[in-house]
Amino acid sequence: MQKWGLLFVFTAFLLLLGTVDAEAQCAICTKTASQLGEKPAKALNGAIIYLMSAPLLIIGFVGWRWWKSQQTEEQQ
């Protein structure tokens, strides 16, 4: 069981590392960012990814808690 947890943490870490260069802009944001210049465009992209991470972490935490509660119910 600990092996799966370690694998999950390692995979999550690798996915978070990959978001550094990810482009998370829609077409309108891309056009606006291109008019601002390179540095503001990178900052806007980073902000979008940062704001996107909070809901994903909350959903992941709720899912993990649900999964853990299901595991304890099955063991009883």
N, C-alpha and C. Protein backbone atom coordinates (compact mmCIF):
# COMPACT_ATOMS: atom_id res chain seq x y z
N MET A 1 0.81 -1.19 0.00
CA MET A 1 0.00 0.00 0.00
C MET A 1 0.86 1.26 0.00
N GLN A 2 1.96 1.23 0.72
CA GLN A 2 2.85 2.39 0.76
C GLN A 2 3.52 2.61 -0.60
N LYS A 3 3.69 1.52 -1.34
CA LYS A 3 4.31 1.64 -2.65
C LYS A 3 3.44 2.48 -3.58
N TRP A 4 2.12 2.31 -3.50
CA TRP A 4 1.20 3.09 -4.34
C TRP A 4 1.19 4.55 -3.92
N GLY A 5 1.27 4.80 -2.64
CA GLY A 5 1.32 6.18 -2.15
C GLY A 5 2.57 6.90 -2.61
N LEU A 6 3.70 6.20 -2.54
CA LEU A 6 4.96 6.77 -3.01
C LEU A 6 4.91 7.02 -4.51
N LEU A 7 4.33 6.11 -5.24
CA LEU A 7 4.20 6.28 -6.69
C LEU A 7 3.30 7.48 -7.01
N PHE A 8 2.22 7.65 -6.25
CA PHE A 8 1.32 8.78 -6.45
C PHE A 8 2.03 10.10 -6.18
N VAL A 9 2.77 10.18 -5.09
CA VAL A 9 3.48 11.41 -4.74
C VAL A 9 4.53 11.73 -5.80
N PHE A 10 5.26 10.73 -6.24
CA PHE A 10 6.29 10.93 -7.26
C PHE A 10 5.67 11.39 -8.58
N THR A 11 4.55 10.80 -8.98
CA THR A 11 3.87 11.19 -10.21
C THR A 11 3.34 12.62 -10.10
N ALA A 12 2.76 12.96 -8.96
CA ALA A 12 2.25 14.32 -8.75
C ALA A 12 3.39 15.33 -8.81
N PHE A 13 4.53 14.97 -8.24
CA PHE A 13 5.70 15.86 -8.27
C PHE A 13 6.17 16.09 -9.71
N LEU A 14 6.22 15.03 -10.49
CA LEU A 14 6.64 15.17 -11.88
C LEU A 14 5.65 16.01 -12.68
N LEU A 15 4.37 15.84 -12.41
CA LEU A 15 3.36 16.64 -13.11
C LEU A 15 3.48 18.11 -12.75
N LEU A 16 3.76 18.40 -11.49
CA LEU A 16 3.92 19.79 -11.07
C LEU A 16 5.17 20.41 -11.68
N LEU A 17 6.21 19.63 -11.86
CA LEU A 17 7.40 20.14 -12.52
C LEU A 17 7.11 20.49 -13.98
N GLY A 18 6.24 19.73 -14.61
CA GLY A 18 5.91 19.97 -16.00
C GLY A 18 5.07 21.20 -16.22
N THR A 19 4.43 21.72 -15.18
CA THR A 19 3.59 22.90 -15.35
C THR A 19 4.38 24.18 -15.46
N VAL A 20 5.67 24.13 -15.19
CA VAL A 20 6.48 25.33 -15.26
C VAL A 20 6.48 25.90 -16.68
N ASP A 21 6.61 25.04 -17.68
CA ASP A 21 6.64 25.49 -19.06
C ASP A 21 5.30 25.32 -19.77
N ALA A 22 4.28 24.96 -19.05
CA ALA A 22 2.97 24.75 -19.68
C ALA A 22 2.36 26.08 -20.09
N GLU A 23 1.60 26.04 -21.15
CA GLU A 23 0.90 27.24 -21.59
C GLU A 23 -0.57 27.04 -21.30
N ALA A 24 -1.09 27.86 -20.40
CA ALA A 24 -2.46 27.68 -19.95
C ALA A 24 -3.36 28.84 -20.36
N GLN A 25 -3.05 29.43 -21.49
CA GLN A 25 -3.81 30.60 -21.90
C GLN A 25 -4.83 30.25 -22.97
N CYS A 26 -5.98 30.86 -22.86
CA CYS A 26 -6.98 30.74 -23.92
C CYS A 26 -6.59 31.67 -25.06
N ALA A 27 -7.35 31.66 -26.13
CA ALA A 27 -7.02 32.47 -27.29
C ALA A 27 -7.03 33.97 -26.97
N ILE A 28 -7.99 34.40 -26.18
CA ILE A 28 -8.08 35.83 -25.84
C ILE A 28 -6.90 36.24 -24.95
N CYS A 29 -6.57 35.41 -23.97
CA CYS A 29 -5.44 35.73 -23.10
C CYS A 29 -4.13 35.72 -23.88
N THR A 30 -3.98 34.81 -24.82
CA THR A 30 -2.77 34.75 -25.63
C THR A 30 -2.61 36.03 -26.44
N LYS A 31 -3.68 36.49 -27.05
CA LYS A 31 -3.62 37.72 -27.85
C LYS A 31 -3.29 38.92 -26.96
N THR A 32 -3.91 39.00 -25.80
CA THR A 32 -3.64 40.10 -24.88
C THR A 32 -2.20 40.05 -24.39
N ALA A 33 -1.72 38.86 -24.04
CA ALA A 33 -0.36 38.71 -23.54
C ALA A 33 0.67 39.05 -24.61
N SER A 34 0.38 38.71 -25.86
CA SER A 34 1.33 39.02 -26.92
C SER A 34 1.46 40.52 -27.12
N GLN A 35 0.42 41.27 -26.82
CA GLN A 35 0.48 42.73 -26.94
C GLN A 35 1.23 43.35 -25.77
N LEU A 36 1.28 42.65 -24.64
CA LEU A 36 1.95 43.19 -23.45
C LEU A 36 3.46 43.07 -23.53
N GLY A 37 3.95 42.03 -24.14
CA GLY A 37 5.38 41.78 -24.19
C GLY A 37 5.70 40.42 -23.58
N GLU A 38 6.97 40.05 -23.62
CA GLU A 38 7.36 38.70 -23.19
C GLU A 38 7.27 38.49 -21.68
N LYS A 39 7.82 39.40 -20.89
CA LYS A 39 7.81 39.21 -19.43
C LYS A 39 6.40 39.23 -18.84
N PRO A 40 5.56 40.19 -19.21
CA PRO A 40 4.19 40.15 -18.69
C PRO A 40 3.41 38.92 -19.17
N ALA A 41 3.72 38.45 -20.37
CA ALA A 41 3.04 37.26 -20.87
C ALA A 41 3.41 36.04 -20.04
N LYS A 42 4.68 35.92 -19.67
CA LYS A 42 5.10 34.81 -18.82
C LYS A 42 4.48 34.92 -17.44
N ALA A 43 4.38 36.14 -16.92
CA ALA A 43 3.76 36.33 -15.61
C ALA A 43 2.28 35.97 -15.65
N LEU A 44 1.60 36.36 -16.71
CA LEU A 44 0.19 36.04 -16.86
C LEU A 44 -0.01 34.52 -16.94
N ASN A 45 0.85 33.86 -17.70
CA ASN A 45 0.76 32.41 -17.82
C ASN A 45 1.00 31.73 -16.47
N GLY A 46 1.99 32.21 -15.73
CA GLY A 46 2.25 31.65 -14.41
C GLY A 46 1.10 31.86 -13.45
N ALA A 47 0.47 33.02 -13.53
CA ALA A 47 -0.68 33.31 -12.66
C ALA A 47 -1.86 32.41 -12.99
N ILE A 48 -2.07 32.15 -14.26
CA ILE A 48 -3.17 31.26 -14.66
C ILE A 48 -2.94 29.86 -14.11
N ILE A 49 -1.72 29.37 -14.23
CA ILE A 49 -1.40 28.03 -13.72
C ILE A 49 -1.52 28.00 -12.20
N TYR A 50 -1.07 29.05 -11.53
CA TYR A 50 -1.17 29.13 -10.07
C TYR A 50 -2.63 29.10 -9.62
N LEU A 51 -3.47 29.88 -10.27
CA LEU A 51 -4.88 29.91 -9.91
C LEU A 51 -5.59 28.60 -10.25
N MET A 52 -5.11 27.90 -11.25
CA MET A 52 -5.70 26.63 -11.65
C MET A 52 -5.37 25.53 -10.63
N SER A 53 -4.23 25.65 -9.95
CA SER A 53 -3.79 24.58 -9.06
C SER A 53 -4.65 24.45 -7.81
N ALA A 54 -5.19 25.54 -7.29
CA ALA A 54 -5.98 25.47 -6.05
C ALA A 54 -7.22 24.60 -6.19
N PRO A 55 -8.07 24.80 -7.21
CA PRO A 55 -9.24 23.91 -7.33
C PRO A 55 -8.85 22.45 -7.56
N LEU A 56 -7.78 22.23 -8.31
CA LEU A 56 -7.35 20.85 -8.55
C LEU A 56 -6.87 20.19 -7.26
N LEU A 57 -6.15 20.93 -6.43
CA LEU A 57 -5.71 20.37 -5.16
C LEU A 57 -6.89 20.09 -4.23
N ILE A 58 -7.88 20.96 -4.22
CA ILE A 58 -9.07 20.73 -3.39
C ILE A 58 -9.82 19.49 -3.86
N ILE A 59 -10.02 19.37 -5.16
CA ILE A 59 -10.70 18.19 -5.70
C ILE A 59 -9.92 16.92 -5.40
N GLY A 60 -8.59 16.99 -5.53
CA GLY A 60 -7.75 15.85 -5.22
C GLY A 60 -7.84 15.45 -3.76
N PHE A 61 -7.86 16.45 -2.87
CA PHE A 61 -7.95 16.16 -1.44
C PHE A 61 -9.29 15.53 -1.08
N VAL A 62 -10.37 16.06 -1.64
CA VAL A 62 -11.70 15.50 -1.39
C VAL A 62 -11.77 14.07 -1.92
N GLY A 63 -11.24 13.84 -3.10
CA GLY A 63 -11.22 12.48 -3.66
C GLY A 63 -10.41 11.52 -2.81
N TRP A 64 -9.27 12.00 -2.32
CA TRP A 64 -8.43 11.15 -1.48
C TRP A 64 -9.13 10.81 -0.18
N ARG A 65 -9.79 11.80 0.44
CA ARG A 65 -10.53 11.54 1.69
C ARG A 65 -11.68 10.55 1.46
N TRP A 66 -12.37 10.70 0.34
CA TRP A 66 -13.46 9.78 0.01
C TRP A 66 -12.90 8.37 -0.18
N TRP A 67 -11.79 8.26 -0.89
CA TRP A 67 -11.18 6.95 -1.13
C TRP A 67 -10.74 6.31 0.19
N LYS A 68 -10.14 7.10 1.08
CA LYS A 68 -9.69 6.57 2.37
C LYS A 68 -10.89 6.12 3.21
N SER A 69 -11.99 6.86 3.17
CA SER A 69 -13.15 6.45 3.96
C SER A 69 -13.76 5.17 3.40
N GLN A 70 -13.72 5.00 2.09
CA GLN A 70 -14.21 3.76 1.48
C GLN A 70 -13.33 2.58 1.87
N GLN A 71 -12.02 2.81 1.96
CA GLN A 71 -11.10 1.74 2.34
C GLN A 71 -11.34 1.30 3.78
N THR A 72 -11.59 2.24 4.68
CA THR A 72 -11.80 1.87 6.08
C THR A 72 -13.16 1.17 6.26
N GLU A 73 -14.15 1.54 5.48
CA GLU A 73 -15.45 0.87 5.56
C GLU A 73 -15.34 -0.58 5.06
N GLU A 74 -14.55 -0.82 4.03
CA GLU A 74 -14.38 -2.16 3.50
C GLU A 74 -13.62 -3.06 4.48
N GLN A 75 -12.71 -2.48 5.25
CA GLN A 75 -11.92 -3.27 6.19
C GLN A 75 -12.74 -3.65 7.42
N GLN A 76 -13.78 -2.93 7.75
CA GLN A 76 -14.59 -3.23 8.94
C GLN A 76 -15.58 -4.24 8.64
